[in-house]
Each structure stands twice: as structure tokens, then as C-alpha cells.
PDB file of all heavy atoms in Angstrom:
ATOM      1  N   ARG A   1     -11.262  24.805 -14.546  1.00  0.00           N
ATOM      2  CA  ARG A   1     -10.049  25.501 -14.056  1.00  0.00           C
ATOM      3  C   ARG A   1      -8.832  24.728 -14.537  1.00  0.00           C
ATOM      4  O   ARG A   1      -8.759  23.509 -14.539  1.00  0.00           O
ATOM      5  CB  ARG A   1     -10.070  25.577 -12.507  1.00  0.00           C
ATOM      6  CG  ARG A   1     -11.177  26.432 -11.960  1.00  0.00           C
ATOM      7  CD  ARG A   1     -11.119  26.484 -10.424  1.00  0.00           C
ATOM      8  NE  ARG A   1     -12.119  27.394  -9.857  1.00  0.00           N
ATOM      9  CZ  ARG A   1     -11.947  28.655  -9.671  1.00  0.00           C
ATOM     10  NH1 ARG A   1     -10.779  29.208  -9.920  1.00  0.00           N
ATOM     11  NH2 ARG A   1     -12.889  29.435  -9.195  1.00  0.00           N
ATOM     12  N   ILE A   2      -7.782  25.522 -14.903  1.00  0.00           N
ATOM     13  CA  ILE A   2      -6.429  24.947 -15.037  1.00  0.00           C
ATOM     14  C   ILE A   2      -5.867  24.739 -13.650  1.00  0.00           C
ATOM     15  O   ILE A   2      -5.998  25.572 -12.781  1.00  0.00           O
ATOM     16  CB  ILE A   2      -5.560  25.976 -15.793  1.00  0.00           C
ATOM     17  CG1 ILE A   2      -6.049  26.130 -17.246  1.00  0.00           C
ATOM     18  CG2 ILE A   2      -4.092  25.421 -15.870  1.00  0.00           C
ATOM     19  CD1 ILE A   2      -5.275  27.219 -17.966  1.00  0.00           C
ATOM     20  N   CYS A   3      -5.306  23.575 -13.420  1.00  0.00           N
ATOM     21  CA  CYS A   3      -4.647  23.342 -12.100  1.00  0.00           C
ATOM     22  C   CYS A   3      -3.213  22.882 -12.344  1.00  0.00           C
ATOM     23  O   CYS A   3      -2.941  22.053 -13.242  1.00  0.00           O
ATOM     24  CB  CYS A   3      -5.450  22.325 -11.289  1.00  0.00           C
ATOM     25  SG  CYS A   3      -5.919  20.796 -12.169  1.00  0.00           S
ATOM     26  N   ILE A   4      -2.310  23.398 -11.509  1.00  0.00           N
ATOM     27  CA  ILE A   4      -0.914  23.139 -11.601  1.00  0.00           C
ATOM     28  C   ILE A   4      -0.422  22.418 -10.383  1.00  0.00           C
ATOM     29  O   ILE A   4      -0.723  22.828  -9.244  1.00  0.00           O
ATOM     30  CB  ILE A   4      -0.085  24.463 -11.779  1.00  0.00           C
ATOM     31  CG1 ILE A   4      -0.744  25.339 -12.790  1.00  0.00           C
ATOM     32  CG2 ILE A   4       1.350  24.111 -12.154  1.00  0.00           C
ATOM     33  CD1 ILE A   4      -0.803  24.775 -14.205  1.00  0.00           C
ATOM     34  N   PHE A   5       0.361  21.365 -10.571  1.00  0.00           N
ATOM     35  CA  PHE A   5       0.951  20.615  -9.420  1.00  0.00           C
ATOM     36  C   PHE A   5       2.436  20.470  -9.595  1.00  0.00           C
ATOM     37  O   PHE A   5       2.961  20.315 -10.743  1.00  0.00           O
ATOM     38  CB  PHE A   5       0.317  19.188  -9.366  1.00  0.00           C
ATOM     39  CG  PHE A   5      -1.163  19.127  -9.261  1.00  0.00           C
ATOM     40  CD1 PHE A   5      -1.941  19.020 -10.386  1.00  0.00           C
ATOM     41  CD2 PHE A   5      -1.719  19.141  -8.014  1.00  0.00           C
ATOM     42  CE1 PHE A   5      -3.322  18.969 -10.261  1.00  0.00           C
ATOM     43  CE2 PHE A   5      -3.141  19.128  -7.875  1.00  0.00           C
ATOM     44  CZ  PHE A   5      -3.928  19.026  -9.041  1.00  0.00           C
ATOM     45  N   HIS A   6       3.196  20.498  -8.484  1.00  0.00           N
ATOM     46  CA  HIS A   6       4.552  20.042  -8.504  1.00  0.00           C
ATOM     47  C   HIS A   6       4.534  18.533  -8.372  1.00  0.00           C
ATOM     48  O   HIS A   6       3.842  17.971  -7.524  1.00  0.00           O
ATOM     49  CB  HIS A   6       5.333  20.633  -7.335  1.00  0.00           C
ATOM     50  CG  HIS A   6       6.772  20.142  -7.308  1.00  0.00           C
ATOM     51  ND1 HIS A   6       7.173  19.187  -6.467  1.00  0.00           N
ATOM     52  CD2 HIS A   6       7.850  20.510  -7.994  1.00  0.00           C
ATOM     53  CE1 HIS A   6       8.462  18.977  -6.620  1.00  0.00           C
ATOM     54  NE2 HIS A   6       8.912  19.769  -7.621  1.00  0.00           N
ATOM     55  N   PHE A   7       5.329  17.824  -9.197  1.00  0.00           N
ATOM     56  CA  PHE A   7       5.324  16.359  -9.281  1.00  0.00           C
ATOM     57  C   PHE A   7       6.674  15.842  -8.756  1.00  0.00           C
ATOM     58  O   PHE A   7       7.653  15.936  -9.476  1.00  0.00           O
ATOM     59  CB  PHE A   7       5.065  15.890 -10.683  1.00  0.00           C
ATOM     60  CG  PHE A   7       4.975  14.403 -10.879  1.00  0.00           C
ATOM     61  CD1 PHE A   7       4.658  13.574  -9.826  1.00  0.00           C
ATOM     62  CD2 PHE A   7       5.103  13.853 -12.131  1.00  0.00           C
ATOM     63  CE1 PHE A   7       4.582  12.217  -9.968  1.00  0.00           C
ATOM     64  CE2 PHE A   7       4.958  12.496 -12.315  1.00  0.00           C
ATOM     65  CZ  PHE A   7       4.714  11.670 -11.265  1.00  0.00           C
ATOM     66  N   ASP A   8       6.682  15.299  -7.570  1.00  0.00           N
ATOM     67  CA  ASP A   8       7.855  14.597  -7.040  1.00  0.00           C
ATOM     68  C   ASP A   8       7.794  13.177  -7.548  1.00  0.00           C
ATOM     69  O   ASP A   8       7.191  12.321  -6.956  1.00  0.00           O
ATOM     70  CB  ASP A   8       7.808  14.676  -5.495  1.00  0.00           C
ATOM     71  CG  ASP A   8       9.078  14.005  -4.855  1.00  0.00           C
ATOM     72  OD1 ASP A   8       9.771  13.276  -5.609  1.00  0.00           O
ATOM     73  OD2 ASP A   8       9.318  14.162  -3.701  1.00  0.00           O
ATOM     74  N   ILE A   9       8.482  12.978  -8.659  1.00  0.00           N
ATOM     75  CA  ILE A   9       8.320  11.690  -9.356  1.00  0.00           C
ATOM     76  C   ILE A   9       9.063  10.559  -8.578  1.00  0.00           C
ATOM     77  O   ILE A   9       8.711   9.402  -8.721  1.00  0.00           O
ATOM     78  CB  ILE A   9       8.818  11.798 -10.769  1.00  0.00           C
ATOM     79  CG1 ILE A   9       8.351  10.577 -11.616  1.00  0.00           C
ATOM     80  CG2 ILE A   9      10.289  11.997 -10.887  1.00  0.00           C
ATOM     81  CD1 ILE A   9       8.548  10.733 -13.080  1.00  0.00           C
ATOM     82  N   ILE A  10      10.106  10.943  -7.818  1.00  0.00           N
ATOM     83  CA  ILE A  10      10.833   9.889  -7.046  1.00  0.00           C
ATOM     84  C   ILE A  10       9.939   9.351  -6.011  1.00  0.00           C
ATOM     85  O   ILE A  10       9.875   8.117  -5.771  1.00  0.00           O
ATOM     86  CB  ILE A  10      12.122  10.510  -6.437  1.00  0.00           C
ATOM     87  CG1 ILE A  10      12.986  11.102  -7.517  1.00  0.00           C
ATOM     88  CG2 ILE A  10      12.856   9.447  -5.652  1.00  0.00           C
ATOM     89  CD1 ILE A  10      13.472  10.132  -8.576  1.00  0.00           C
ATOM     90  N   ASN A  11       9.230  10.192  -5.237  1.00  0.00           N
ATOM     91  CA  ASN A  11       8.317   9.753  -4.179  1.00  0.00           C
ATOM     92  C   ASN A  11       6.882   9.575  -4.669  1.00  0.00           C
ATOM     93  O   ASN A  11       6.021   9.204  -3.877  1.00  0.00           O
ATOM     94  CB  ASN A  11       8.391  10.724  -3.009  1.00  0.00           C
ATOM     95  CG  ASN A  11       9.784  10.765  -2.365  1.00  0.00           C
ATOM     96  OD1 ASN A  11      10.292   9.749  -1.925  1.00  0.00           O
ATOM     97  ND2 ASN A  11      10.393  11.964  -2.359  1.00  0.00           N
ATOM     98  N   GLU A  12       6.697   9.900  -5.915  1.00  0.00           N
ATOM     99  CA  GLU A  12       5.348   9.754  -6.518  1.00  0.00           C
ATOM    100  C   GLU A  12       4.279  10.507  -5.744  1.00  0.00           C
ATOM    101  O   GLU A  12       3.261   9.933  -5.331  1.00  0.00           O
ATOM    102  CB  GLU A  12       5.002   8.301  -6.729  1.00  0.00           C
ATOM    103  CG  GLU A  12       6.014   7.536  -7.616  1.00  0.00           C
ATOM    104  CD  GLU A  12       5.607   6.101  -7.858  1.00  0.00           C
ATOM    105  OE1 GLU A  12       4.726   5.620  -7.228  1.00  0.00           O
ATOM    106  OE2 GLU A  12       6.279   5.468  -8.759  1.00  0.00           O
ATOM    107  N   THR A  13       4.526  11.804  -5.545  1.00  0.00           N
ATOM    108  CA  THR A  13       3.538  12.669  -4.881  1.00  0.00           C
ATOM    109  C   THR A  13       3.302  13.952  -5.640  1.00  0.00           C
ATOM    110  O   THR A  13       4.153  14.377  -6.360  1.00  0.00           O
ATOM    111  CB  THR A  13       4.021  13.006  -3.423  1.00  0.00           C
ATOM    112  OG1 THR A  13       5.287  13.699  -3.527  1.00  0.00           O
ATOM    113  CG2 THR A  13       4.163  11.800  -2.600  1.00  0.00           C
ATOM    114  N   LEU A  14       2.101  14.510  -5.464  1.00  0.00           N
ATOM    115  CA  LEU A  14       1.755  15.784  -6.098  1.00  0.00           C
ATOM    116  C   LEU A  14       1.590  16.847  -5.026  1.00  0.00           C
ATOM    117  O   LEU A  14       0.924  16.549  -3.975  1.00  0.00           O
ATOM    118  CB  LEU A  14       0.457  15.665  -6.913  1.00  0.00           C
ATOM    119  CG  LEU A  14       0.526  14.780  -8.193  1.00  0.00           C
ATOM    120  CD1 LEU A  14      -0.817  14.861  -8.902  1.00  0.00           C
ATOM    121  CD2 LEU A  14       1.603  15.231  -9.086  1.00  0.00           C
ATOM    122  N   GLN A  15       2.007  18.058  -5.296  1.00  0.00           N
ATOM    123  CA  GLN A  15       1.818  19.183  -4.409  1.00  0.00           C
ATOM    124  C   GLN A  15       1.068  20.259  -5.237  1.00  0.00           C
ATOM    125  O   GLN A  15       1.612  20.698  -6.271  1.00  0.00           O
ATOM    126  CB  GLN A  15       3.107  19.753  -3.898  1.00  0.00           C
ATOM    127  CG  GLN A  15       2.930  20.981  -3.021  1.00  0.00           C
ATOM    128  CD  GLN A  15       4.239  21.654  -2.700  1.00  0.00           C
ATOM    129  OE1 GLN A  15       5.333  21.184  -3.025  1.00  0.00           O
ATOM    130  NE2 GLN A  15       4.204  22.769  -1.977  1.00  0.00           N
ATOM    131  N   PHE A  16      -0.115  20.687  -4.760  1.00  0.00           N
ATOM    132  CA  PHE A  16      -0.873  21.699  -5.454  1.00  0.00           C
ATOM    133  C   PHE A  16      -0.112  23.041  -5.453  1.00  0.00           C
ATOM    134  O   PHE A  16       0.358  23.482  -4.428  1.00  0.00           O
ATOM    135  CB  PHE A  16      -2.242  21.868  -4.825  1.00  0.00           C
ATOM    136  CG  PHE A  16      -3.048  23.001  -5.395  1.00  0.00           C
ATOM    137  CD1 PHE A  16      -3.765  22.815  -6.559  1.00  0.00           C
ATOM    138  CD2 PHE A  16      -3.112  24.200  -4.725  1.00  0.00           C
ATOM    139  CE1 PHE A  16      -4.516  23.855  -7.124  1.00  0.00           C
ATOM    140  CE2 PHE A  16      -3.860  25.252  -5.254  1.00  0.00           C
ATOM    141  CZ  PHE A  16      -4.559  25.079  -6.457  1.00  0.00           C
ATOM    142  N   LEU A  17      -0.054  23.707  -6.616  1.00  0.00           N
ATOM    143  CA  LEU A  17       0.614  24.970  -6.724  1.00  0.00           C
ATOM    144  C   LEU A  17      -0.335  26.135  -7.044  1.00  0.00           C
ATOM    145  O   LEU A  17      -0.265  27.207  -6.455  1.00  0.00           O
ATOM    146  CB  LEU A  17       1.713  24.928  -7.779  1.00  0.00           C
ATOM    147  CG  LEU A  17       2.971  24.075  -7.499  1.00  0.00           C
ATOM    148  CD1 LEU A  17       3.881  24.085  -8.667  1.00  0.00           C
ATOM    149  CD2 LEU A  17       3.685  24.486  -6.209  1.00  0.00           C
ATOM    150  N   ASP A  18      -1.173  25.967  -8.015  1.00  0.00           N
ATOM    151  CA  ASP A  18      -1.945  27.090  -8.515  1.00  0.00           C
ATOM    152  C   ASP A  18      -3.182  26.547  -9.230  1.00  0.00           C
ATOM    153  O   ASP A  18      -3.209  25.403  -9.735  1.00  0.00           O
ATOM    154  CB  ASP A  18      -1.149  27.974  -9.446  1.00  0.00           C
ATOM    155  CG  ASP A  18      -1.817  29.339  -9.679  1.00  0.00           C
ATOM    156  OD1 ASP A  18      -2.733  29.667  -8.962  1.00  0.00           O
ATOM    157  OD2 ASP A  18      -1.370  30.037 -10.601  1.00  0.00           O
ATOM    158  N   GLU A  19      -4.223  27.358  -9.301  1.00  0.00           N
ATOM    159  CA  GLU A  19      -5.447  27.005 -10.041  1.00  0.00           C
ATOM    160  C   GLU A  19      -6.067  28.302 -10.559  1.00  0.00           C
ATOM    161  O   GLU A  19      -6.120  29.286  -9.878  1.00  0.00           O
ATOM    162  CB  GLU A  19      -6.446  26.324  -9.072  1.00  0.00           C
ATOM    163  CG  GLU A  19      -7.639  25.717  -9.785  1.00  0.00           C
ATOM    164  CD  GLU A  19      -8.475  24.939  -8.809  1.00  0.00           C
ATOM    165  OE1 GLU A  19      -9.077  25.513  -7.886  1.00  0.00           O
ATOM    166  OE2 GLU A  19      -8.565  23.690  -8.981  1.00  0.00           O
ATOM    167  N   GLN A  20      -6.476  28.245 -11.792  1.00  0.00           N
ATOM    168  CA  GLN A  20      -7.005  29.475 -12.470  1.00  0.00           C
ATOM    169  C   GLN A  20      -8.265  29.124 -13.230  1.00  0.00           C
ATOM    170  O   GLN A  20      -8.298  28.142 -13.963  1.00  0.00           O
ATOM    171  CB  GLN A  20      -5.968  30.095 -13.403  1.00  0.00           C
ATOM    172  CG  GLN A  20      -4.737  30.579 -12.742  1.00  0.00           C
ATOM    173  CD  GLN A  20      -3.747  31.178 -13.726  1.00  0.00           C
ATOM    174  OE1 GLN A  20      -4.061  31.291 -14.936  1.00  0.00           O
ATOM    175  NE2 GLN A  20      -2.534  31.464 -13.250  1.00  0.00           N
ATOM    176  N   GLU A  21      -9.304  29.967 -13.094  1.00  0.00           N
ATOM    177  CA  GLU A  21     -10.533  29.751 -13.910  1.00  0.00           C
ATOM    178  C   GLU A  21     -10.182  30.034 -15.357  1.00  0.00           C
ATOM    179  O   GLU A  21      -9.557  31.043 -15.726  1.00  0.00           O
ATOM    180  CB  GLU A  21     -11.576  30.720 -13.427  1.00  0.00           C
ATOM    181  CG  GLU A  21     -12.919  30.483 -14.150  1.00  0.00           C
ATOM    182  CD  GLU A  21     -14.027  31.402 -13.606  1.00  0.00           C
ATOM    183  OE1 GLU A  21     -13.987  31.745 -12.431  1.00  0.00           O
ATOM    184  OE2 GLU A  21     -14.965  31.693 -14.377  1.00  0.00           O
ATOM    185  N   ASP A  22     -10.607  29.122 -16.223  1.00  0.00           N
ATOM    186  CA  ASP A  22     -10.256  29.260 -17.635  1.00  0.00           C
ATOM    187  C   ASP A  22     -11.190  28.383 -18.450  1.00  0.00           C
ATOM    188  O   ASP A  22     -11.304  27.196 -18.226  1.00  0.00           O
ATOM    189  CB  ASP A  22      -8.810  28.794 -17.902  1.00  0.00           C
ATOM    190  CG  ASP A  22      -8.293  29.196 -19.306  1.00  0.00           C
ATOM    191  OD1 ASP A  22      -9.020  29.027 -20.244  1.00  0.00           O
ATOM    192  OD2 ASP A  22      -7.180  29.684 -19.383  1.00  0.00           O
ATOM    193  N   SER A  23     -11.879  28.976 -19.418  1.00  0.00           N
ATOM    194  CA  SER A  23     -12.863  28.246 -20.247  1.00  0.00           C
ATOM    195  C   SER A  23     -12.202  27.613 -21.446  1.00  0.00           C
ATOM    196  O   SER A  23     -12.852  26.877 -22.202  1.00  0.00           O
ATOM    197  CB  SER A  23     -13.988  29.165 -20.671  1.00  0.00           C
ATOM    198  OG  SER A  23     -13.495  30.204 -21.443  1.00  0.00           O
ATOM    199  N   SER A  24     -10.945  27.888 -21.766  1.00  0.00           N
ATOM    200  CA  SER A  24     -10.308  27.390 -22.958  1.00  0.00           C
ATOM    201  C   SER A  24      -8.860  27.010 -22.673  1.00  0.00           C
ATOM    202  O   SER A  24      -7.940  27.391 -23.390  1.00  0.00           O
ATOM    203  CB  SER A  24     -10.333  28.428 -24.106  1.00  0.00           C
ATOM    204  OG  SER A  24      -9.688  29.569 -23.769  1.00  0.00           O
ATOM    205  N   GLY A  25      -8.652  26.262 -21.594  1.00  0.00           N
ATOM    206  CA  GLY A  25      -7.261  25.913 -21.215  1.00  0.00           C
ATOM    207  C   GLY A  25      -7.048  24.393 -21.162  1.00  0.00           C
ATOM    208  O   GLY A  25      -6.043  23.964 -20.666  1.00  0.00           O
ATOM    209  N   ARG A  26      -8.020  23.605 -21.639  1.00  0.00           N
ATOM    210  CA  ARG A  26      -7.855  22.130 -21.541  1.00  0.00           C
ATOM    211  C   ARG A  26      -6.692  21.663 -22.378  1.00  0.00           C
ATOM    212  O   ARG A  26      -6.532  21.946 -23.571  1.00  0.00           O
ATOM    213  CB  ARG A  26      -9.170  21.494 -22.037  1.00  0.00           C
ATOM    214  CG  ARG A  26      -9.142  19.945 -21.898  1.00  0.00           C
ATOM    215  CD  ARG A  26     -10.514  19.410 -22.138  1.00  0.00           C
ATOM    216  NE  ARG A  26     -10.502  17.944 -22.090  1.00  0.00           N
ATOM    217  CZ  ARG A  26     -11.586  17.173 -22.012  1.00  0.00           C
ATOM    218  NH1 ARG A  26     -12.800  17.769 -21.981  1.00  0.00           N
ATOM    219  NH2 ARG A  26     -11.520  15.847 -22.024  1.00  0.00           N
ATOM    220  N   PRO A  27      -5.753  20.903 -21.789  1.00  0.00           N
ATOM    221  CA  PRO A  27      -4.582  20.405 -22.480  1.00  0.00           C
ATOM    222  C   PRO A  27      -4.943  19.590 -23.742  1.00  0.00           C
ATOM    223  O   PRO A  27      -5.932  18.888 -23.795  1.00  0.00           O
ATOM    224  CB  PRO A  27      -3.916  19.533 -21.454  1.00  0.00           C
ATOM    225  CG  PRO A  27      -4.323  20.102 -20.115  1.00  0.00           C
ATOM    226  CD  PRO A  27      -5.716  20.487 -20.341  1.00  0.00           C
ATOM    227  N   ALA A  28      -4.057  19.757 -24.748  1.00  0.00           N
ATOM    228  CA  ALA A  28      -4.318  19.113 -26.044  1.00  0.00           C
ATOM    229  C   ALA A  28      -3.089  18.355 -26.527  1.00  0.00           C
ATOM    230  O   ALA A  28      -2.965  18.059 -27.684  1.00  0.00           O
ATOM    231  CB  ALA A  28      -4.732  20.182 -27.106  1.00  0.00           C
ATOM    232  N   GLY A  29      -2.194  18.029 -25.646  1.00  0.00           N
ATOM    233  CA  GLY A  29      -0.983  17.281 -25.991  1.00  0.00           C
ATOM    234  C   GLY A  29       0.221  17.636 -25.180  1.00  0.00           C
ATOM    235  O   GLY A  29       0.141  18.537 -24.293  1.00  0.00           O
ATOM    236  N   ASN A  30       1.351  16.981 -25.415  1.00  0.00           N
ATOM    237  CA  ASN A  30       2.545  17.215 -24.645  1.00  0.00           C
ATOM    238  C   ASN A  30       3.136  18.580 -24.919  1.00  0.00           C
ATOM    239  O   ASN A  30       2.848  19.228 -25.949  1.00  0.00           O
ATOM    240  CB  ASN A  30       3.576  16.170 -25.015  1.00  0.00           C
ATOM    241  CG  ASN A  30       3.631  14.978 -24.044  1.00  0.00           C
ATOM    242  OD1 ASN A  30       3.269  15.127 -22.877  1.00  0.00           O
ATOM    243  ND2 ASN A  30       3.994  13.805 -24.521  1.00  0.00           N
ATOM    244  N   ILE A  31       3.921  19.045 -23.971  1.00  0.00           N
ATOM    245  CA  ILE A  31       4.604  20.313 -24.114  1.00  0.00           C
ATOM    246  C   ILE A  31       5.617  20.245 -25.222  1.00  0.00           C
ATOM    247  O   ILE A  31       6.360  19.228 -25.336  1.00  0.00           O
ATOM    248  CB  ILE A  31       5.327  20.738 -22.790  1.00  0.00           C
ATOM    249  CG1 ILE A  31       4.298  20.707 -21.614  1.00  0.00           C
ATOM    250  CG2 ILE A  31       5.986  22.069 -22.904  1.00  0.00           C
ATOM    251  CD1 ILE A  31       3.112  21.621 -21.787  1.00  0.00           C
ATOM    252  N   ILE A  32       5.706  21.294 -26.088  1.00  0.00           N
ATOM    253  CA  ILE A  32       6.642  21.362 -27.170  1.00  0.00           C
ATOM    254  C   ILE A  32       7.796  22.268 -26.731  1.00  0.00           C
ATOM    255  O   ILE A  32       7.537  23.392 -26.286  1.00  0.00           O
ATOM    256  CB  ILE A  32       6.020  21.848 -28.417  1.00  0.00           C
ATOM    257  CG1 ILE A  32       4.785  20.964 -28.847  1.00  0.00           C
ATOM    258  CG2 ILE A  32       7.016  21.930 -29.597  1.00  0.00           C
ATOM    259  CD1 ILE A  32       3.956  21.549 -29.901  1.00  0.00           C
ATOM    260  N   PHE A  33       9.031  21.778 -26.840  1.00  0.00           N
ATOM    261  CA  PHE A  33      10.183  22.591 -26.490  1.00  0.00           C
ATOM    262  C   PHE A  33      10.850  23.097 -27.768  1.00  0.00           C
ATOM    263  O   PHE A  33      11.431  22.297 -28.550  1.00  0.00           O
ATOM    264  CB  PHE A  33      11.180  21.768 -25.693  1.00  0.00           C
ATOM    265  CG  PHE A  33      10.623  21.238 -24.369  1.00  0.00           C
ATOM    266  CD1 PHE A  33       9.919  20.006 -24.341  1.00  0.00           C
ATOM    267  CD2 PHE A  33      10.786  21.958 -23.208  1.00  0.00           C
ATOM    268  CE1 PHE A  33       9.440  19.583 -23.148  1.00  0.00           C
ATOM    269  CE2 PHE A  33      10.313  21.502 -22.024  1.00  0.00           C
ATOM    270  CZ  PHE A  33       9.624  20.313 -21.996  1.00  0.00           C
ATOM    271  N   VAL A  34      10.778  24.395 -28.008  1.00  0.00           N
ATOM    272  CA  VAL A  34      11.351  25.021 -29.209  1.00  0.00           C
ATOM    273  C   VAL A  34      12.023  26.335 -28.811  1.00  0.00           C
ATOM    274  O   VAL A  34      11.410  27.182 -28.179  1.00  0.00           O
ATOM    275  CB  VAL A  34      10.249  25.306 -30.284  1.00  0.00           C
ATOM    276  CG1 VAL A  34      10.908  25.966 -31.498  1.00  0.00           C
ATOM    277  CG2 VAL A  34       9.592  24.012 -30.686  1.00  0.00           C
ATOM    278  N   ASN A  35      13.323  26.444 -29.181  1.00  0.00           N
ATOM    279  CA  ASN A  35      14.050  27.714 -28.927  1.00  0.00           C
ATOM    280  C   ASN A  35      13.924  28.179 -27.505  1.00  0.00           C
ATOM    281  O   ASN A  35      13.646  29.342 -27.192  1.00  0.00           O
ATOM    282  CB  ASN A  35      13.555  28.797 -29.894  1.00  0.00           C
ATOM    283  CG  ASN A  35      13.763  28.445 -31.334  1.00  0.00           C
ATOM    284  OD1 ASN A  35      14.730  27.772 -31.671  1.00  0.00           O
ATOM    285  ND2 ASN A  35      12.889  28.922 -32.202  1.00  0.00           N
ATOM    286  N   ASN A  36      14.108  27.237 -26.558  1.00  0.00           N
ATOM    287  CA  ASN A  36      14.074  27.516 -25.077  1.00  0.00           C
ATOM    288  C   ASN A  36      12.729  27.972 -24.633  1.00  0.00           C
ATOM    289  O   ASN A  36      12.604  28.596 -23.564  1.00  0.00           O
ATOM    290  CB  ASN A  36      15.163  28.547 -24.723  1.00  0.00           C
ATOM    291  CG  ASN A  36      16.568  28.064 -24.993  1.00  0.00           C
ATOM    292  OD1 ASN A  36      16.873  26.918 -24.652  1.00  0.00           O
ATOM    293  ND2 ASN A  36      17.407  28.876 -25.532  1.00  0.00           N
ATOM    294  N   LYS A  37      11.694  27.665 -25.377  1.00  0.00           N
ATOM    295  CA  LYS A  37      10.367  28.004 -25.020  1.00  0.00           C
ATOM    296  C   LYS A  37       9.558  26.761 -24.672  1.00  0.00           C
ATOM    297  O   LYS A  37       9.745  25.717 -25.270  1.00  0.00           O
ATOM    298  CB  LYS A  37       9.571  28.795 -26.151  1.00  0.00           C
ATOM    299  CG  LYS A  37      10.225  30.129 -26.445  1.00  0.00           C
ATOM    300  CD  LYS A  37       9.437  30.835 -27.553  1.00  0.00           C
ATOM    301  CE  LYS A  37       9.931  32.200 -27.842  1.00  0.00           C
ATOM    302  NZ  LYS A  37       9.182  32.901 -28.947  1.00  0.00           N
ATOM    303  N   LEU A  38       8.639  26.849 -23.710  1.00  0.00           N
ATOM    304  CA  LEU A  38       7.688  25.822 -23.383  1.00  0.00           C
ATOM    305  C   LEU A  38       6.389  26.171 -24.020  1.00  0.00           C
ATOM    306  O   LEU A  38       5.758  27.150 -23.684  1.00  0.00           O
ATOM    307  CB  LEU A  38       7.491  25.683 -21.872  1.00  0.00           C
ATOM    308  CG  LEU A  38       8.729  25.395 -20.991  1.00  0.00           C
ATOM    309  CD1 LEU A  38       8.413  25.426 -19.525  1.00  0.00           C
ATOM    310  CD2 LEU A  38       9.298  24.053 -21.405  1.00  0.00           C
TER     311      LEU A  38
END
């Protein structure tokens, strides 16, 4: 599953937001910012 957390970096805490079943969603590197796109 892909899992999404909100990251409060000041207090160093994670809050779970969403989780989705996915067989091909494993991260492969940092987010690329191009033309206002993530």
C-alpha cells in the first residue's frame, strides 16, 4: 500500500492521512518540481 502522512517537522510528528492498495507505487526518488507540477 501507498501510505500518506502529514509531517509536522517542527514537532517531529506524523499524522496518517490516507492509504491505498497499489502494486506499483513504491517510491523511486525525490519529488521533481517542474512547471508547478509535483
